[in-house]
Amino acid sequence: MNYGIWPSQTIRSAIANGTIRASSPIHEDLIQPASLDLRLGATAFRVPTSFLPGKGKAVSERLKDLATHEVDLSKPQVLERNCVHIIPLQERVSLGADTSARANPKSSSGRLDIFVRLIADGGTSFDEIPAGYDGPLYAEVVPRSFPIIARAGDTLSQLRFRHHASDAAQPANRTISVSIDLEGAAADGVIAYRARKTTGLIDLQKVGEYDRNDFWEPIKCRPGRRELVLVPDEFYIMASLEDIVINENEAAEMIAYDTAVGEVRVHYAGFLDPFFGRITDSSGKSKIVLEIRSHDVPFMLDHGQRVGTIVFENMIERPDKLYGQSIKSNYQGQGLKLAKQFF
């Protein structure tokens, strides 16, 4: 097997041979071109603090000590802002010695400012599943800007599998820089949406149901001023200046932090699938939507300023489904676009 990211057909084979298992059938719509959507299980554990289990320790053991109560997700439940829940996922994995995995929030999770991180037994870092891991998976879920309604089966994160090779055989990954659009070219003069402080609930399963103006404050560019000062710890949705294209034989990930450009997190949902931005209509373009939060101090952005980096990796082979073609892709051809729950 070649070095690289598993495509959809390899993920499908791994489900068939038991490398990936679940408490309920894994349907085809959970299989993405370069990742697998992960589903919430039926119970959420409310905990007072985020944690990692540590080497040799099981998440379930830590939950016995830390959990204050359980939430029954077999029916819709409200997860309040800034409350930490650890949720066992329906999926588990049994990886070979040459395969590791990495998780990321799904695009809609990031745009709703839901902080989602994957935890595994013995884990010493979030979102990383080491080669050879055999065991359950858990999601840490913290709604930040909006309270949400969630239930078992909702998908907030996705898992990307990587087949390793020797250092000599491993090709170098290419990177590109991403800069910020502060002219509003992607949204008729709107350069950003800032999350409102007081809002109603958002049901994750309701698509196109919520008026954006009830949840977001649009920020427009000012004549002659191509800059924006980020208020610390407020949440912004913005767009890249560049049109981004991912080829069919590669996958990409946006790096969340680049301290060289400031103490700013620029992405919460970083995976980009093969064929993202490949629009058959010549008028179509795809920006990267950036979920931005400045920390500690106000930070001024200028139009065209570099804010992040995209890293590209080779696929093992071309996926048998591609983003925006054989699957429904909510964000293909996007400009400055909010989560799918808003109109």
C-alpha atoms as a PDB file:
ATOM      1  CA  MET A   1       0.000   0.000   0.000  1.00  0.00           C
ATOM      2  CA  ASN A   2       1.269   3.489  -0.866  1.00  0.00           C
ATOM      3  CA  TYR A   3       1.917   6.170   1.731  1.00  0.00           C
ATOM      4  CA  GLY A   4      -0.888   8.673   2.202  1.00  0.00           C
ATOM      5  CA  ILE A   5      -4.468   9.383   3.290  1.00  0.00           C
ATOM      6  CA  TRP A   6      -7.095   6.668   3.013  1.00  0.00           C
ATOM      7  CA  PRO A   7      -9.684   7.354   0.307  1.00  0.00           C
ATOM      8  CA  SER A   8     -13.361   6.501   0.605  1.00  0.00           C
ATOM      9  CA  GLN A   9     -12.976   2.990  -0.844  1.00  0.00           C
ATOM     10  CA  THR A  10     -10.257   2.083   1.682  1.00  0.00           C
ATOM     11  CA  ILE A  11     -12.440   3.345   4.534  1.00  0.00           C
ATOM     12  CA  ARG A  12     -15.300   1.243   3.196  1.00  0.00           C
ATOM     13  CA  SER A  13     -13.046  -1.845   3.125  1.00  0.00           C
ATOM     14  CA  ALA A  14     -11.892  -1.145   6.689  1.00  0.00           C
ATOM     15  CA  ILE A  15     -15.520  -1.126   7.818  1.00  0.00           C
ATOM     16  CA  ALA A  16     -16.136  -4.431   6.050  1.00  0.00           C
ATOM     17  CA  ASN A  17     -13.103  -6.153   7.624  1.00  0.00           C
ATOM     18  CA  GLY A  18     -13.742  -4.839  11.144  1.00  0.00           C
ATOM     19  CA  THR A  19     -10.890  -2.331  11.368  1.00  0.00           C
ATOM     20  CA  ILE A  20     -13.644   0.234  11.928  1.00  0.00           C
ATOM     21  CA  ARG A  21     -16.630  -0.947  13.982  1.00  0.00           C
ATOM     22  CA  ALA A  22     -19.694   0.723  15.441  1.00  0.00           C
ATOM     23  CA  SER A  23     -22.635   0.096  17.728  1.00  0.00           C
ATOM     24  CA  SER A  24     -25.006   0.683  14.794  1.00  0.00           C
ATOM     25  CA  PRO A  25     -24.531   0.187  11.042  1.00  0.00           C
ATOM     26  CA  ILE A  26     -22.159   2.639   9.344  1.00  0.00           C
ATOM     27  CA  HIS A  27     -24.109   3.981   6.387  1.00  0.00           C
ATOM     28  CA  GLU A  28     -22.575   5.171   3.134  1.00  0.00           C
ATOM     29  CA  ASP A  29     -23.385   8.823   3.762  1.00  0.00           C
ATOM     30  CA  LEU A  30     -20.927   8.797   6.707  1.00  0.00           C
ATOM     31  CA  ILE A  31     -18.062   7.940   4.361  1.00  0.00           C
ATOM     32  CA  GLN A  32     -16.479  11.082   2.910  1.00  0.00           C
ATOM     33  CA  PRO A  33     -13.834  11.289   0.152  1.00  0.00           C
ATOM     34  CA  ALA A  34     -10.975  11.319   2.690  1.00  0.00           C
ATOM     35  CA  SER A  35     -12.552  10.826   6.124  1.00  0.00           C
ATOM     36  CA  LEU A  36     -15.269   9.146   8.164  1.00  0.00           C
ATOM     37  CA  ASP A  37     -17.966  11.075  10.008  1.00  0.00           C
ATOM     38  CA  LEU A  38     -18.193  10.059  13.673  1.00  0.00           C
ATOM     39  CA  ARG A  39     -21.549   9.806  15.490  1.00  0.00           C
ATOM     40  CA  LEU A  40     -22.426  10.741  19.033  1.00  0.00           C
ATOM     41  CA  GLY A  41     -23.465   7.872  21.271  1.00  0.00           C
ATOM     42  CA  ALA A  42     -26.501   7.746  23.545  1.00  0.00           C
ATOM     43  CA  THR A  43     -24.911   9.204  26.698  1.00  0.00           C
ATOM     44  CA  ALA A  44     -23.026  12.426  27.425  1.00  0.00           C
ATOM     45  CA  PHE A  45     -21.016  12.878  30.616  1.00  0.00           C
ATOM     46  CA  ARG A  46     -20.925  16.376  32.085  1.00  0.00           C
ATOM     47  CA  VAL A  47     -17.497  17.145  33.514  1.00  0.00           C
ATOM     48  CA  PRO A  48     -16.141  20.282  35.208  1.00  0.00           C
ATOM     49  CA  THR A  49     -12.935  20.344  33.201  1.00  0.00           C
ATOM     50  CA  SER A  50     -11.323  19.206  29.997  1.00  0.00           C
ATOM     51  CA  PHE A  51      -8.773  16.407  30.385  1.00  0.00           C
ATOM     52  CA  LEU A  52      -6.563  13.865  28.689  1.00  0.00           C
ATOM     53  CA  PRO A  53      -6.487  10.357  30.208  1.00  0.00           C
ATOM     54  CA  GLY A  54      -2.711   9.938  30.002  1.00  0.00           C
ATOM     55  CA  LYS A  55      -0.608   6.963  29.077  1.00  0.00           C
ATOM     56  CA  GLY A  56      -2.061   3.651  30.217  1.00  0.00           C
ATOM     57  CA  LYS A  57      -5.316   5.166  31.475  1.00  0.00           C
ATOM     58  CA  ALA A  58      -8.822   4.662  30.077  1.00  0.00           C
ATOM     59  CA  VAL A  59     -11.215   7.551  29.495  1.00  0.00           C
ATOM     60  CA  SER A  60     -13.984   5.581  31.219  1.00  0.00           C
ATOM     61  CA  GLU A  61     -11.905   5.406  34.402  1.00  0.00           C
ATOM     62  CA  ARG A  62     -11.336   9.152  34.419  1.00  0.00           C
ATOM     63  CA  LEU A  63     -15.062   9.720  33.893  1.00  0.00           C
ATOM     64  CA  LYS A  64     -15.861   7.720  37.049  1.00  0.00           C
ATOM     65  CA  ASP A  65     -13.925  10.328  39.011  1.00  0.00           C
ATOM     66  CA  LEU A  66     -14.833  13.489  37.093  1.00  0.00           C
ATOM     67  CA  ALA A  67     -18.382  13.164  35.726  1.00  0.00           C
ATOM     68  CA  THR A  68     -20.972  15.134  37.691  1.00  0.00           C
ATOM     69  CA  HIS A  69     -23.990  13.680  35.881  1.00  0.00           C
ATOM     70  CA  GLU A  70     -25.133  11.964  32.679  1.00  0.00           C
ATOM     71  CA  VAL A  71     -27.238  13.339  29.843  1.00  0.00           C
ATOM     72  CA  ASP A  72     -29.497  10.953  27.895  1.00  0.00           C
ATOM     73  CA  LEU A  73     -28.869  11.659  24.193  1.00  0.00           C
ATOM     74  CA  SER A  74     -31.339   9.017  23.039  1.00  0.00           C
ATOM     75  CA  LYS A  75     -33.652  12.035  22.846  1.00  0.00           C
ATOM     76  CA  PRO A  76     -32.825  15.658  21.920  1.00  0.00           C
ATOM     77  CA  GLN A  77     -31.006  17.472  24.715  1.00  0.00           C
ATOM     78  CA  VAL A  78     -29.702  20.994  25.223  1.00  0.00           C
ATOM     79  CA  LEU A  79     -25.943  21.379  25.585  1.00  0.00           C
ATOM     80  CA  GLU A  80     -25.338  24.786  27.152  1.00  0.00           C
ATOM     81  CA  ARG A  81     -22.612  27.255  26.264  1.00  0.00           C
ATOM     82  CA  ASN A  82     -19.176  26.656  27.803  1.00  0.00           C
ATOM     83  CA  CYS A  83     -20.225  23.388  29.455  1.00  0.00           C
ATOM     84  CA  VAL A  84     -17.854  20.463  28.873  1.00  0.00           C
ATOM     85  CA  HIS A  85     -19.345  17.119  27.863  1.00  0.00           C
ATOM     86  CA  ILE A  86     -17.453  13.898  27.111  1.00  0.00           C
ATOM     87  CA  ILE A  87     -19.482  11.740  24.727  1.00  0.00           C
ATOM     88  CA  PRO A  88     -18.583   8.145  23.806  1.00  0.00           C
ATOM     89  CA  LEU A  89     -18.850   7.795  20.049  1.00  0.00           C
ATOM     90  CA  GLN A  90     -20.603   4.993  18.213  1.00  0.00           C
ATOM     91  CA  GLU A  91     -17.446   4.178  16.258  1.00  0.00           C
ATOM     92  CA  ARG A  92     -14.277   2.455  17.485  1.00  0.00           C
ATOM     93  CA  VAL A  93     -11.128   1.436  15.620  1.00  0.00           C
ATOM     94  CA  SER A  94      -8.535  -1.316  15.560  1.00  0.00           C
ATOM     95  CA  LEU A  95      -5.639   0.180  13.605  1.00  0.00           C
ATOM     96  CA  GLY A  96      -2.663  -1.655  12.160  1.00  0.00           C
ATOM     97  CA  ALA A  97       0.906  -0.811  13.114  1.00  0.00           C
ATOM     98  CA  ASP A  98       1.310   1.241   9.940  1.00  0.00           C
ATOM     99  CA  THR A  99      -1.894   3.293  10.258  1.00  0.00           C
ATOM    100  CA  SER A 100      -2.669   6.290  12.447  1.00  0.00           C
ATOM    101  CA  ALA A 101      -5.640   8.654  12.431  1.00  0.00           C
ATOM    102  CA  ARG A 102      -6.361  12.315  13.073  1.00  0.00           C
ATOM    103  CA  ALA A 103      -9.690  13.993  13.867  1.00  0.00           C
ATOM    104  CA  ASN A 104     -11.122  17.424  13.124  1.00  0.00           C
ATOM    105  CA  PRO A 105     -14.503  19.053  13.682  1.00  0.00           C
ATOM    106  CA  LYS A 106     -16.854  18.983  10.715  1.00  0.00           C
ATOM    107  CA  SER A 107     -17.318  22.268   8.851  1.00  0.00           C
ATOM    108  CA  SER A 108     -20.715  23.006  10.407  1.00  0.00           C
ATOM    109  CA  SER A 109     -19.354  22.349  13.907  1.00  0.00           C
ATOM    110  CA  GLY A 110     -16.598  24.864  13.379  1.00  0.00           C
ATOM    111  CA  ARG A 111     -18.922  27.511  11.963  1.00  0.00           C
ATOM    112  CA  LEU A 112     -21.278  27.078  14.911  1.00  0.00           C
ATOM    113  CA  ASP A 113     -18.321  27.591  17.267  1.00  0.00           C
ATOM    114  CA  ILE A 114     -18.707  24.141  18.786  1.00  0.00           C
ATOM    115  CA  PHE A 115     -15.358  23.156  20.267  1.00  0.00           C
ATOM    116  CA  VAL A 116     -14.956  19.460  19.434  1.00  0.00           C
ATOM    117  CA  ARG A 117     -11.896  17.336  20.157  1.00  0.00           C
ATOM    118  CA  LEU A 118     -11.332  13.581  19.956  1.00  0.00           C
ATOM    119  CA  ILE A 119      -9.987  11.612  22.923  1.00  0.00           C
ATOM    120  CA  ALA A 120      -8.734   8.018  22.955  1.00  0.00           C
ATOM    121  CA  ASP A 121      -7.748   5.705  25.800  1.00  0.00           C
ATOM    122  CA  GLY A 122      -4.165   6.368  26.856  1.00  0.00           C
ATOM    123  CA  GLY A 123      -4.223   9.623  24.940  1.00  0.00           C
ATOM    124  CA  THR A 124      -1.599  12.274  25.629  1.00  0.00           C
ATOM    125  CA  SER A 125      -2.817  14.634  22.899  1.00  0.00           C
ATOM    126  CA  PHE A 126      -6.191  15.582  21.472  1.00  0.00           C
ATOM    127  CA  ASP A 127      -7.367  14.509  18.004  1.00  0.00           C
ATOM    128  CA  GLU A 128      -4.454  12.106  17.445  1.00  0.00           C
ATOM    129  CA  ILE A 129      -4.975   8.333  17.294  1.00  0.00           C
ATOM    130  CA  PRO A 130      -1.616   6.544  17.277  1.00  0.00           C
ATOM    131  CA  ALA A 131      -0.725   3.684  14.969  1.00  0.00           C
ATOM    132  CA  GLY A 132      -1.824   0.347  16.386  1.00  0.00           C
ATOM    133  CA  TYR A 133      -4.586   1.805  18.579  1.00  0.00           C
ATOM    134  CA  ASP A 134      -7.422  -0.602  19.370  1.00  0.00           C
ATOM    135  CA  GLY A 135     -10.277   0.839  21.372  1.00  0.00           C
ATOM    136  CA  PRO A 136     -13.155   3.281  21.784  1.00  0.00           C
ATOM    137  CA  LEU A 137     -13.317   6.929  20.767  1.00  0.00           C
ATOM    138  CA  TYR A 138     -14.742   9.874  22.691  1.00  0.00           C
ATOM    139  CA  ALA A 139     -15.629  13.440  21.755  1.00  0.00           C
ATOM    140  CA  GLU A 140     -15.134  16.423  24.016  1.00  0.00           C
ATOM    141  CA  VAL A 141     -17.944  18.838  23.071  1.00  0.00           C
ATOM    142  CA  VAL A 142     -18.135  22.450  24.267  1.00  0.00           C
ATOM    143  CA  PRO A 143     -20.597  24.844  22.574  1.00  0.00           C
ATOM    144  CA  ARG A 144     -18.952  28.265  22.767  1.00  0.00           C
ATOM    145  CA  SER A 145     -21.188  30.902  21.143  1.00  0.00           C
ATOM    146  CA  PHE A 146     -24.611  29.229  20.964  1.00  0.00           C
ATOM    147  CA  PRO A 147     -26.446  26.597  23.051  1.00  0.00           C
ATOM    148  CA  ILE A 148     -27.235  23.606  20.842  1.00  0.00           C
ATOM    149  CA  ILE A 149     -29.733  20.751  20.690  1.00  0.00           C
ATOM    150  CA  ALA A 150     -27.948  17.442  20.078  1.00  0.00           C
ATOM    151  CA  ARG A 151     -28.873  13.786  20.080  1.00  0.00           C
ATOM    152  CA  ALA A 152     -27.351  10.355  19.457  1.00  0.00           C
ATOM    153  CA  GLY A 153     -26.337   9.968  15.827  1.00  0.00           C
ATOM    154  CA  ASP A 154     -25.400  13.617  15.279  1.00  0.00           C
ATOM    155  CA  THR A 155     -22.031  14.028  13.567  1.00  0.00           C
ATOM    156  CA  LEU A 156     -19.749  16.747  14.934  1.00  0.00           C
ATOM    157  CA  SER A 157     -16.319  15.426  13.986  1.00  0.00           C
ATOM    158  CA  GLN A 158     -14.584  13.336  11.349  1.00  0.00           C
ATOM    159  CA  LEU A 159     -11.607  10.997  11.316  1.00  0.00           C
ATOM    160  CA  ARG A 160      -8.907  10.870   8.650  1.00  0.00           C
ATOM    161  CA  PHE A 161      -6.703   7.777   8.371  1.00  0.00           C
ATOM    162  CA  ARG A 162      -3.044   7.872   7.324  1.00  0.00           C
ATOM    163  CA  HIS A 163      -0.933   4.962   6.056  1.00  0.00           C
ATOM    164  CA  HIS A 164       2.728   5.411   6.977  1.00  0.00           C
ATOM    165  CA  ALA A 165       5.899   4.583   5.098  1.00  0.00           C
ATOM    166  CA  SER A 166       9.586   4.735   5.933  1.00  0.00           C
ATOM    167  CA  ASP A 167      11.086   8.195   6.184  1.00  0.00           C
ATOM    168  CA  ALA A 168      12.947   7.593   2.943  1.00  0.00           C
ATOM    169  CA  ALA A 169       9.735   6.771   1.077  1.00  0.00           C
ATOM    170  CA  GLN A 170       7.627   9.560   2.577  1.00  0.00           C
ATOM    171  CA  PRO A 171       7.239  12.525   0.205  1.00  0.00           C
ATOM    172  CA  ALA A 172       7.453  16.080   1.500  1.00  0.00           C
ATOM    173  CA  ASN A 173       4.086  17.810   1.968  1.00  0.00           C
ATOM    174  CA  ARG A 174       3.508  21.034   0.054  1.00  0.00           C
ATOM    175  CA  THR A 175       2.020  24.080   1.726  1.00  0.00           C
ATOM    176  CA  ILE A 176       0.336  27.323   0.685  1.00  0.00           C
ATOM    177  CA  SER A 177      -0.368  30.499   2.631  1.00  0.00           C
ATOM    178  CA  VAL A 178      -3.876  31.839   3.201  1.00  0.00           C
ATOM    179  CA  SER A 179      -4.676  35.541   3.532  1.00  0.00           C
ATOM    180  CA  ILE A 180      -7.768  37.445   4.637  1.00  0.00           C
ATOM    181  CA  ASP A 181     -10.406  39.240   2.524  1.00  0.00           C
ATOM    182  CA  LEU A 182     -11.344  42.600   4.043  1.00  0.00           C
ATOM    183  CA  GLU A 183     -12.966  44.056   0.934  1.00  0.00           C
ATOM    184  CA  GLY A 184     -16.077  41.907   1.129  1.00  0.00           C
ATOM    185  CA  ALA A 185     -15.522  40.440  -2.315  1.00  0.00           C
ATOM    186  CA  ALA A 186     -16.998  37.137  -1.119  1.00  0.00           C
ATOM    187  CA  ALA A 187     -20.230  38.567   0.345  1.00  0.00           C
ATOM    188  CA  ASP A 188     -21.351  41.876  -1.192  1.00  0.00           C
ATOM    189  CA  GLY A 189     -19.311  44.065   1.119  1.00  0.00           C
ATOM    190  CA  VAL A 190     -19.726  41.976   4.285  1.00  0.00           C
ATOM    191  CA  ILE A 191     -16.234  41.132   5.546  1.00  0.00           C
ATOM    192  CA  ALA A 192     -17.199  39.182   8.664  1.00  0.00           C
ATOM    193  CA  TYR A 193     -19.992  37.865  10.847  1.00  0.00           C
ATOM    194  CA  ARG A 194     -19.555  38.208  14.617  1.00  0.00           C
ATOM    195  CA  ALA A 195     -21.478  35.903  16.941  1.00  0.00           C
ATOM    196  CA  ARG A 196     -24.082  37.685  19.066  1.00  0.00           C
ATOM    197  CA  LYS A 197     -23.843  37.399  22.836  1.00  0.00           C
ATOM    198  CA  THR A 198     -27.465  36.390  23.527  1.00  0.00           C
ATOM    199  CA  THR A 199     -29.288  33.993  21.204  1.00  0.00           C
ATOM    200  CA  GLY A 200     -31.745  31.133  21.099  1.00  0.00           C
ATOM    201  CA  LEU A 201     -31.045  27.439  20.674  1.00  0.00           C
ATOM    202  CA  ILE A 202     -29.741  25.811  17.499  1.00  0.00           C
ATOM    203  CA  ASP A 203     -30.941  22.297  16.676  1.00  0.00           C
ATOM    204  CA  LEU A 204     -28.107  20.623  14.779  1.00  0.00           C
ATOM    205  CA  GLN A 205     -30.509  18.718  12.537  1.00  0.00           C
ATOM    206  CA  LYS A 206     -32.446  21.758  11.297  1.00  0.00           C
ATOM    207  CA  VAL A 207     -30.958  22.960   8.017  1.00  0.00           C
ATOM    208  CA  GLY A 208     -31.860  26.432   6.737  1.00  0.00           C
ATOM    209  CA  GLU A 209     -34.168  27.042   9.707  1.00  0.00           C
ATOM    210  CA  TYR A 210     -32.582  29.994  11.514  1.00  0.00           C
ATOM    211  CA  ASP A 211     -32.429  33.664  10.545  1.00  0.00           C
ATOM    212  CA  ARG A 212     -28.758  34.623  10.556  1.00  0.00           C
ATOM    213  CA  ASN A 213     -29.561  38.080  11.904  1.00  0.00           C
ATOM    214  CA  ASP A 214     -30.779  36.560  15.178  1.00  0.00           C
ATOM    215  CA  PHE A 215     -27.385  34.953  15.762  1.00  0.00           C
ATOM    216  CA  TRP A 216     -24.837  37.007  13.842  1.00  0.00           C
ATOM    217  CA  GLU A 217     -23.850  40.647  13.509  1.00  0.00           C
ATOM    218  CA  PRO A 218     -22.662  41.394   9.944  1.00  0.00           C
ATOM    219  CA  ILE A 219     -19.617  43.638   9.668  1.00  0.00           C
ATOM    220  CA  LYS A 220     -19.211  45.596   6.430  1.00  0.00           C
ATOM    221  CA  CYS A 221     -16.085  47.118   4.987  1.00  0.00           C
ATOM    222  CA  ARG A 222     -15.724  50.861   5.450  1.00  0.00           C
ATOM    223  CA  PRO A 223     -14.767  53.054   2.472  1.00  0.00           C
ATOM    224  CA  GLY A 224     -11.037  53.556   2.388  1.00  0.00           C
ATOM    225  CA  ARG A 225     -10.463  51.295   5.428  1.00  0.00           C
ATOM    226  CA  ARG A 226      -9.409  47.733   4.696  1.00  0.00           C
ATOM    227  CA  GLU A 227      -8.803  46.641   8.268  1.00  0.00           C
ATOM    228  CA  LEU A 228     -10.630  45.043  11.171  1.00  0.00           C
ATOM    229  CA  VAL A 229      -9.752  44.970  14.876  1.00  0.00           C
ATOM    230  CA  LEU A 230     -10.623  41.631  16.454  1.00  0.00           C
ATOM    231  CA  VAL A 231     -12.076  41.876  19.956  1.00  0.00           C
ATOM    232  CA  PRO A 232     -10.418  39.304  22.245  1.00  0.00           C
ATOM    233  CA  ASP A 233     -12.339  36.044  22.628  1.00  0.00           C
ATOM    234  CA  GLU A 234     -15.166  37.093  20.317  1.00  0.00           C
ATOM    235  CA  PHE A 235     -15.948  34.698  17.464  1.00  0.00           C
ATOM    236  CA  TYR A 236     -15.840  35.741  13.801  1.00  0.00           C
ATOM    237  CA  ILE A 237     -16.650  34.044  10.508  1.00  0.00           C
ATOM    238  CA  MET A 238     -14.479  35.412   7.672  1.00  0.00           C
ATOM    239  CA  ALA A 239     -13.260  34.320   4.246  1.00  0.00           C
ATOM    240  CA  SER A 240      -9.936  33.826   2.529  1.00  0.00           C
ATOM    241  CA  LEU A 241      -8.848  36.221  -0.182  1.00  0.00           C
ATOM    242  CA  GLU A 242      -7.703  33.317  -2.328  1.00  0.00           C
ATOM    243  CA  ASP A 243      -9.807  30.786  -4.198  1.00  0.00           C
ATOM    244  CA  ILE A 244      -8.712  27.361  -2.967  1.00  0.00           C
ATOM    245  CA  VAL A 245      -8.593  24.212  -5.086  1.00  0.00           C
ATOM    246  CA  ILE A 246      -7.826  20.685  -3.859  1.00  0.00           C
ATOM    247  CA  ASN A 247      -6.901  18.160  -6.538  1.00  0.00           C
ATOM    248  CA  GLU A 248      -8.591  14.777  -6.701  1.00  0.00           C
ATOM    249  CA  ASN A 249      -5.455  12.912  -5.619  1.00  0.00           C
ATOM    250  CA  GLU A 250      -4.718  14.969  -2.502  1.00  0.00           C
ATOM    251  CA  ALA A 251      -6.270  16.053   0.782  1.00  0.00           C
ATOM    252  CA  ALA A 252      -5.473  19.147   2.809  1.00  0.00           C
ATOM    253  CA  GLU A 253      -5.718  20.579   6.308  1.00  0.00           C
ATOM    254  CA  MET A 254      -5.752  24.166   7.516  1.00  0.00           C
ATOM    255  CA  ILE A 255      -3.396  24.692  10.447  1.00  0.00           C
ATOM    256  CA  ALA A 256      -5.401  26.172  13.317  1.00  0.00           C
ATOM    257  CA  TYR A 257      -2.617  28.246  14.895  1.00  0.00           C
ATOM    258  CA  ASP A 258       0.317  29.991  13.279  1.00  0.00           C
ATOM    259  CA  THR A 259       1.970  31.993  16.033  1.00  0.00           C
ATOM    260  CA  ALA A 260       4.175  33.699  13.480  1.00  0.00           C
ATOM    261  CA  VAL A 261       1.159  35.767  12.383  1.00  0.00           C
ATOM    262  CA  GLY A 262      -0.366  36.472  15.816  1.00  0.00           C
ATOM    263  CA  GLU A 263      -2.120  34.899  18.797  1.00  0.00           C
ATOM    264  CA  VAL A 264      -5.157  34.155  16.653  1.00  0.00           C
ATOM    265  CA  ARG A 265      -6.908  30.885  15.969  1.00  0.00           C
ATOM    266  CA  VAL A 266      -8.036  30.930  12.353  1.00  0.00           C
ATOM    267  CA  HIS A 267      -9.747  27.576  11.896  1.00  0.00           C
ATOM    268  CA  TYR A 268     -11.699  25.108  14.029  1.00  0.00           C
ATOM    269  CA  ALA A 269     -12.625  22.688  11.206  1.00  0.00           C
ATOM    270  CA  GLY A 270      -9.552  22.239   9.094  1.00  0.00           C
ATOM    271  CA  PHE A 271     -10.056  19.242   6.763  1.00  0.00           C
ATOM    272  CA  LEU A 272     -10.400  19.929   3.045  1.00  0.00           C
ATOM    273  CA  ASP A 273     -11.493  17.028   0.842  1.00  0.00           C
ATOM    274  CA  PRO A 274     -10.286  16.012  -2.611  1.00  0.00           C
ATOM    275  CA  PHE A 275     -11.948  18.119  -5.327  1.00  0.00           C
ATOM    276  CA  PHE A 276     -12.876  20.974  -2.980  1.00  0.00           C
ATOM    277  CA  GLY A 277     -13.082  24.105  -5.123  1.00  0.00           C
ATOM    278  CA  ARG A 278     -13.206  22.215  -8.413  1.00  0.00           C
ATOM    279  CA  ILE A 279     -16.273  23.918  -9.878  1.00  0.00           C
ATOM    280  CA  THR A 280     -17.553  22.839 -13.292  1.00  0.00           C
ATOM    281  CA  ASP A 281     -19.321  26.175 -13.715  1.00  0.00           C
ATOM    282  CA  SER A 282     -16.580  28.605 -14.763  1.00  0.00           C
ATOM    283  CA  SER A 283     -18.180  31.335 -12.645  1.00  0.00           C
ATOM    284  CA  GLY A 284     -17.894  29.302  -9.458  1.00  0.00           C
ATOM    285  CA  LYS A 285     -15.170  29.818  -6.869  1.00  0.00           C
ATOM    286  CA  SER A 286     -14.485  28.390  -3.421  1.00  0.00           C
ATOM    287  CA  LYS A 287     -13.006  30.390  -0.578  1.00  0.00           C
ATOM    288  CA  ILE A 288     -11.819  28.970   2.705  1.00  0.00           C
ATOM    289  CA  VAL A 289     -14.200  30.046   5.453  1.00  0.00           C
ATOM    290  CA  LEU A 290     -12.176  31.012   8.511  1.00  0.00           C
ATOM    291  CA  GLU A 291     -13.439  30.632  12.081  1.00  0.00           C
ATOM    292  CA  ILE A 292     -11.417  33.246  13.924  1.00  0.00           C
ATOM    293  CA  ARG A 293     -10.871  34.063  17.579  1.00  0.00           C
ATOM    294  CA  SER A 294      -8.167  36.385  18.906  1.00  0.00           C
ATOM    295  CA  HIS A 295      -6.742  35.652  22.345  1.00  0.00           C
ATOM    296  CA  ASP A 296      -5.500  37.936  25.106  1.00  0.00           C
ATOM    297  CA  VAL A 297      -5.292  41.268  23.249  1.00  0.00           C
ATOM    298  CA  PRO A 298      -7.104  43.078  20.408  1.00  0.00           C
ATOM    299  CA  PHE A 299      -5.547  42.248  17.048  1.00  0.00           C
ATOM    300  CA  MET A 300      -5.751  44.261  13.830  1.00  0.00           C
ATOM    301  CA  LEU A 301      -6.108  42.475  10.518  1.00  0.00           C
ATOM    302  CA  ASP A 302      -5.298  44.183   7.220  1.00  0.00           C
ATOM    303  CA  HIS A 303      -6.685  43.205   3.838  1.00  0.00           C
ATOM    304  CA  GLY A 304      -4.501  40.543   2.241  1.00  0.00           C
ATOM    305  CA  GLN A 305      -2.637  39.783   5.470  1.00  0.00           C
ATOM    306  CA  ARG A 306      -1.411  36.206   5.797  1.00  0.00           C
ATOM    307  CA  VAL A 307      -3.371  34.440   8.531  1.00  0.00           C
ATOM    308  CA  GLY A 308      -2.614  30.765   8.100  1.00  0.00           C
ATOM    309  CA  THR A 309      -1.231  27.803   6.213  1.00  0.00           C
ATOM    310  CA  ILE A 310      -2.757  24.862   4.355  1.00  0.00           C
ATOM    311  CA  VAL A 311      -0.815  21.590   4.289  1.00  0.00           C
ATOM    312  CA  PHE A 312      -1.451  19.157   1.417  1.00  0.00           C
ATOM    313  CA  GLU A 313      -0.979  15.387   1.608  1.00  0.00           C
ATOM    314  CA  ASN A 314      -1.181  12.700  -1.046  1.00  0.00           C
ATOM    315  CA  MET A 315      -4.043  10.246  -1.143  1.00  0.00           C
ATOM    316  CA  ILE A 316      -3.220   6.542  -1.390  1.00  0.00           C
ATOM    317  CA  GLU A 317      -5.324   6.625  -4.546  1.00  0.00           C
ATOM    318  CA  ARG A 318      -8.080   8.694  -6.095  1.00  0.00           C
ATOM    319  CA  PRO A 319     -11.283   8.428  -4.002  1.00  0.00           C
ATOM    320  CA  ASP A 320     -14.280   6.780  -5.627  1.00  0.00           C
ATOM    321  CA  LYS A 321     -16.386   9.726  -4.431  1.00  0.00           C
ATOM    322  CA  LEU A 322     -15.309  13.352  -4.640  1.00  0.00           C
ATOM    323  CA  TYR A 323     -16.331  16.527  -2.829  1.00  0.00           C
ATOM    324  CA  GLY A 324     -19.171  18.262  -4.630  1.00  0.00           C
ATOM    325  CA  GLN A 325     -19.697  15.505  -7.190  1.00  0.00           C
ATOM    326  CA  SER A 326     -20.994  12.151  -5.960  1.00  0.00           C
ATOM    327  CA  ILE A 327     -21.877  13.483  -2.488  1.00  0.00           C
ATOM    328  CA  LYS A 328     -23.947  16.371  -1.225  1.00  0.00           C
ATOM    329  CA  SER A 329     -21.481  19.110  -0.318  1.00  0.00           C
ATOM    330  CA  ASN A 330     -22.984  22.089   1.503  1.00  0.00           C
ATOM    331  CA  TYR A 331     -19.954  24.324   1.084  1.00  0.00           C
ATOM    332  CA  GLN A 332     -18.737  23.718  -2.472  1.00  0.00           C
ATOM    333  CA  GLY A 333     -18.520  26.986  -4.387  1.00  0.00           C
ATOM    334  CA  GLN A 334     -18.720  28.978  -1.158  1.00  0.00           C
ATOM    335  CA  GLY A 335     -17.856  32.564  -0.423  1.00  0.00           C
ATOM    336  CA  LEU A 336     -18.350  33.958   3.064  1.00  0.00           C
ATOM    337  CA  LYS A 337     -20.869  31.339   4.165  1.00  0.00           C
ATOM    338  CA  LEU A 338     -22.336  30.562   7.571  1.00  0.00           C
ATOM    339  CA  ALA A 339     -23.240  27.082   8.793  1.00  0.00           C
ATOM    340  CA  LYS A 340     -25.984  25.228   6.929  1.00  0.00           C
ATOM    341  CA  GLN A 341     -28.482  25.819   9.762  1.00  0.00           C
ATOM    342  CA  PHE A 342     -28.861  29.522   8.800  1.00  0.00           C
ATOM    343  CA  PHE A 343     -30.648  31.342   5.991  1.00  0.00           C
END
